[in-house]
């Protein structure tokens, strides 16, 4: 799962990135309004942590942009502003949650996990697809009760496909999700094909159904 941290306090931003990476999230961090605007315009995120007071403007302008463009990225406002007006305004504009500073990283992590589980997995802690069970809380995948030994990238790929189940996901979208800023530096999508192939092989070797379909010239679809 991919998280964008929009926070101009670099020490706090670095602490958040380190913590969320230890929880198996892919993280990108930006420190001003304009760079954040570019990121949001180019990529999709499972969760955006948004400070209100930013160099270059107000973070709520980014929230307004997200909603105007119909994007579905989850948003948690993190801000030192404690006024009720700011909190209500952000939530009324479409933010999913509000966490005032200072906060414990463990609480932030719990809120990020809850938001993604609610938005992407219908609030469930785990989902069963045939012989495959995906546990979102522990990040464990079982096939016929056997734990799949997945690399971090393979697990992230599977969770991304499951989050977009029954929808065709393009190779571009997968590349961006797995590699973030580096996706546009690749000449081809061999690394995507390789991860898909390895993931399908591990599921098959455990006796699982082939739920990852190749959609010719478009991408892949997890059929649930």
Protein backbone atom coordinates (compact mmCIF):
# COMPACT_ATOMS: atom_id res chain seq x y z
CA UNK A 1 0.00 0.00 0.00
CA UNK A 2 1.30 3.45 -0.93
CA UNK A 3 1.22 6.53 1.32
CA UNK A 4 2.02 10.16 0.46
CA UNK A 5 3.19 12.32 3.37
CA UNK A 6 2.65 16.06 2.82
CA UNK A 7 4.40 17.64 5.80
CA UNK A 8 6.88 20.54 5.88
CA UNK A 9 8.45 19.59 9.24
CA UNK A 10 11.21 17.41 7.82
CA UNK A 11 12.13 15.73 11.08
CA UNK A 12 8.52 14.70 11.68
CA UNK A 13 8.14 13.65 8.05
CA UNK A 14 11.24 11.46 8.29
CA UNK A 15 9.93 9.83 11.49
CA UNK A 16 6.59 9.08 9.84
CA UNK A 17 8.29 7.60 6.76
CA UNK A 18 10.57 5.39 8.85
CA UNK A 19 7.67 4.14 10.97
CA UNK A 20 5.32 3.42 8.06
CA UNK A 21 8.06 1.69 6.08
CA UNK A 22 8.61 -0.58 9.09
CA UNK A 23 4.89 -1.39 8.79
CA UNK A 24 5.39 -2.43 5.13
CA UNK A 25 3.98 0.70 3.48
CA UNK A 26 5.58 2.35 0.48
CA UNK A 27 6.10 6.01 1.31
CA UNK A 28 6.76 9.22 -0.59
CA UNK A 29 7.31 12.54 1.18
CA UNK A 30 6.92 16.12 -0.07
CA UNK A 31 7.31 19.38 1.83
CA UNK A 32 5.42 22.11 -0.04
CA UNK A 33 2.10 22.73 -1.74
CA UNK A 34 3.30 22.85 -5.35
CA UNK A 35 5.27 19.58 -5.22
CA UNK A 36 2.31 17.91 -3.50
CA UNK A 37 0.00 19.20 -6.24
CA UNK A 38 2.24 17.63 -8.90
CA UNK A 39 2.37 14.29 -7.06
CA UNK A 40 -1.38 14.11 -6.59
CA UNK A 41 -1.91 14.98 -10.25
CA UNK A 42 0.42 12.22 -11.49
CA UNK A 43 -0.14 9.33 -9.08
CA UNK A 44 -2.74 7.62 -6.93
CA UNK A 45 -2.22 6.80 -3.27
CA UNK A 46 -3.97 4.51 -0.82
CA UNK A 47 -3.60 7.16 1.87
CA UNK A 48 -2.48 10.80 1.95
CA UNK A 49 -1.29 12.37 5.21
CA UNK A 50 -1.97 16.06 4.78
CA UNK A 51 -0.75 19.00 6.86
CA UNK A 52 -2.88 22.14 6.61
CA UNK A 53 -0.14 24.79 6.91
CA UNK A 54 2.35 24.35 4.05
CA UNK A 55 4.91 26.50 2.24
CA UNK A 56 3.07 27.87 -0.77
CA UNK A 57 -0.46 27.69 0.57
CA UNK A 58 -3.13 25.84 2.51
CA UNK A 59 -3.29 22.05 2.49
CA UNK A 60 -7.08 22.21 2.27
CA UNK A 61 -6.61 23.50 -1.30
CA UNK A 62 -5.12 20.11 -2.14
CA UNK A 63 -8.10 18.38 -0.58
CA UNK A 64 -10.40 20.57 -2.66
CA UNK A 65 -8.42 19.61 -5.80
CA UNK A 66 -8.67 15.89 -5.00
CA UNK A 67 -12.43 16.06 -4.67
CA UNK A 68 -12.88 18.26 -7.75
CA UNK A 69 -10.97 15.71 -9.86
CA UNK A 70 -12.96 12.80 -8.46
CA UNK A 71 -9.94 11.08 -6.93
CA UNK A 72 -10.58 8.48 -4.25
CA UNK A 73 -7.29 8.64 -2.33
CA UNK A 74 -7.96 8.42 1.41
CA UNK A 75 -6.95 11.56 3.32
CA UNK A 76 -5.95 11.98 6.97
CA UNK A 77 -5.29 15.57 8.02
CA UNK A 78 -2.36 15.94 10.41
CA UNK A 79 -2.05 19.45 11.73
CA UNK A 80 -1.02 21.50 14.74
CA UNK A 81 -4.14 23.58 14.28
CA UNK A 82 -6.48 22.51 17.03
CA UNK A 83 -9.43 24.72 16.25
CA UNK A 84 -12.76 23.01 15.79
CA UNK A 85 -13.38 25.10 12.66
CA UNK A 86 -10.36 23.62 10.84
CA UNK A 87 -11.29 20.09 11.84
CA UNK A 88 -14.93 20.45 10.78
CA UNK A 89 -13.98 22.21 7.55
CA UNK A 90 -11.54 19.49 6.54
CA UNK A 91 -13.99 16.69 7.29
CA UNK A 92 -16.83 18.49 5.50
CA UNK A 93 -14.58 18.87 2.45
CA UNK A 94 -14.10 15.11 2.32
CA UNK A 95 -11.15 14.21 4.55
CA UNK A 96 -11.51 10.75 6.07
CA UNK A 97 -9.90 11.51 9.42
CA UNK A 98 -8.16 14.24 11.44
CA UNK A 99 -5.23 13.71 13.80
CA UNK A 100 -3.95 16.77 15.72
CA UNK A 101 -0.25 17.16 16.50
CA UNK A 102 1.51 16.00 18.55
CA UNK A 103 0.53 12.35 18.07
CA UNK A 104 2.02 8.93 18.69
CA UNK A 105 3.25 7.16 15.57
CA UNK A 106 1.48 3.98 16.69
CA UNK A 107 -1.85 5.83 16.65
CA UNK A 108 -1.09 7.29 13.23
CA UNK A 109 -0.25 3.81 11.95
CA UNK A 110 -3.51 2.42 13.36
CA UNK A 111 -5.51 5.15 11.65
CA UNK A 112 -3.76 4.62 8.31
CA UNK A 113 -4.43 0.89 8.52
CA UNK A 114 -8.08 1.44 9.47
CA UNK A 115 -8.59 3.92 6.63
CA UNK A 116 -7.12 1.62 3.99
CA UNK A 117 -9.04 -1.38 5.34
CA UNK A 118 -12.27 0.63 5.23
CA UNK A 119 -11.73 2.17 1.78
CA UNK A 120 -10.14 -0.77 -0.03
CA UNK A 121 -11.33 -3.90 1.75
CA UNK A 122 -14.84 -3.02 2.97
CA UNK A 123 -13.62 -2.73 6.55
CA UNK A 124 -12.67 -6.41 6.79
CA UNK A 125 -9.52 -7.67 8.50
CA UNK A 126 -9.29 -10.54 6.03
CA UNK A 127 -10.97 -11.72 2.84
CA UNK A 128 -11.32 -15.25 1.44
CA UNK A 129 -11.20 -15.94 -2.30
CA UNK A 130 -11.61 -19.64 -2.95
CA UNK A 131 -8.64 -21.37 -1.35
CA UNK A 132 -6.82 -18.05 -0.79
CA UNK A 133 -7.14 -16.02 2.39
CA UNK A 134 -5.61 -12.55 2.59
CA UNK A 135 -5.14 -11.14 6.10
CA UNK A 136 -4.74 -7.37 5.90
CA UNK A 137 -3.89 -6.90 9.56
CA UNK A 138 -0.95 -9.32 9.63
CA UNK A 139 -0.08 -9.10 5.91
CA UNK A 140 -0.19 -12.89 5.64
CA UNK A 141 -1.52 -14.76 2.60
CA UNK A 142 -2.67 -18.36 2.98
CA UNK A 143 -3.47 -20.79 0.18
CA UNK A 144 -5.07 -24.04 1.34
CA UNK A 145 -4.00 -23.02 4.88
CA UNK A 146 -0.36 -22.84 3.75
CA UNK A 147 1.41 -19.50 4.19
CA UNK A 148 2.82 -18.09 0.96
CA UNK A 149 6.42 -16.90 1.29
CA UNK A 150 6.14 -13.67 -0.68
CA UNK A 151 8.70 -10.94 -1.17
CA UNK A 152 7.70 -7.44 -0.07
CA UNK A 153 7.06 -6.44 -3.70
CA UNK A 154 5.00 -9.57 -4.40
CA UNK A 155 2.86 -8.94 -1.32
CA UNK A 156 2.39 -5.29 -2.26
CA UNK A 157 1.43 -6.32 -5.80
CA UNK A 158 -1.13 -8.84 -4.54
CA UNK A 159 -2.67 -6.34 -2.11
CA UNK A 160 -2.86 -3.76 -4.90
CA UNK A 161 -4.64 -6.21 -7.21
CA UNK A 162 -7.01 -7.31 -4.44
CA UNK A 163 -7.78 -3.67 -3.57
CA UNK A 164 -8.76 -3.18 -7.23
CA UNK A 165 -10.47 -6.57 -7.56
CA UNK A 166 -12.65 -7.13 -10.63
CA UNK A 167 -11.11 -4.07 -12.28
CA UNK A 168 -8.45 -4.08 -15.00
CA UNK A 169 -5.24 -2.56 -13.63
CA UNK A 170 -2.81 -1.28 -16.26
CA UNK A 171 0.89 -2.16 -16.34
CA UNK A 172 1.54 1.56 -15.89
CA UNK A 173 -0.52 1.68 -12.69
CA UNK A 174 1.24 -1.39 -11.31
CA UNK A 175 4.64 0.06 -12.19
CA UNK A 176 3.81 3.35 -10.48
CA UNK A 177 2.48 1.56 -7.41
CA UNK A 178 5.55 -0.63 -7.02
CA UNK A 179 8.16 1.95 -7.96
CA UNK A 180 6.67 5.38 -7.31
CA UNK A 181 8.81 8.15 -8.79
CA UNK A 182 11.04 5.64 -10.55
CA UNK A 183 8.32 4.18 -12.79
CA UNK A 184 8.89 6.64 -15.62
CA UNK A 185 12.59 5.72 -15.79
CA UNK A 186 11.92 2.17 -17.01
CA UNK A 187 12.12 1.43 -20.73
CA UNK A 188 9.75 -1.54 -20.38
CA UNK A 189 7.64 -3.39 -17.86
CA UNK A 190 9.78 -6.50 -17.50
CA UNK A 191 9.86 -6.02 -13.71
CA UNK A 192 6.03 -6.04 -13.65
CA UNK A 193 5.87 -9.22 -15.78
CA UNK A 194 8.45 -10.83 -13.50
CA UNK A 195 6.54 -10.04 -10.30
CA UNK A 196 3.24 -11.21 -11.83
CA UNK A 197 4.85 -14.46 -13.04
CA UNK A 198 6.47 -15.20 -9.67
CA UNK A 199 3.28 -14.42 -7.75
CA UNK A 200 1.13 -16.63 -9.97
CA UNK A 201 3.71 -19.44 -9.72
CA UNK A 202 3.74 -19.38 -5.91
CA UNK A 203 -0.06 -19.44 -5.76
CA UNK A 204 -0.20 -22.35 -8.24
CA UNK A 205 2.46 -24.33 -6.37
CA UNK A 206 0.35 -24.06 -3.21
CA UNK A 207 -2.64 -25.44 -5.12
CA UNK A 208 -4.50 -22.16 -5.42
CA UNK A 209 -6.82 -21.04 -8.21
CA UNK A 210 -5.50 -18.70 -10.89
CA UNK A 211 -7.34 -15.52 -9.95
CA UNK A 212 -4.93 -13.12 -11.66
CA UNK A 213 -6.03 -12.78 -15.27
CA UNK A 214 -4.01 -11.22 -18.06
CA UNK A 215 -6.11 -8.76 -20.08
CA UNK A 216 -4.48 -8.54 -23.48
CA UNK A 217 -2.76 -5.19 -24.14
CA UNK A 218 -4.39 -3.62 -21.08
CA UNK A 219 -3.01 -5.14 -17.90
CA UNK A 220 -4.23 -7.54 -15.22
CA UNK A 221 -7.38 -8.24 -13.23
CA UNK A 222 -7.88 -10.04 -9.94
CA UNK A 223 -11.15 -11.89 -10.42
CA UNK A 224 -12.99 -12.30 -7.13
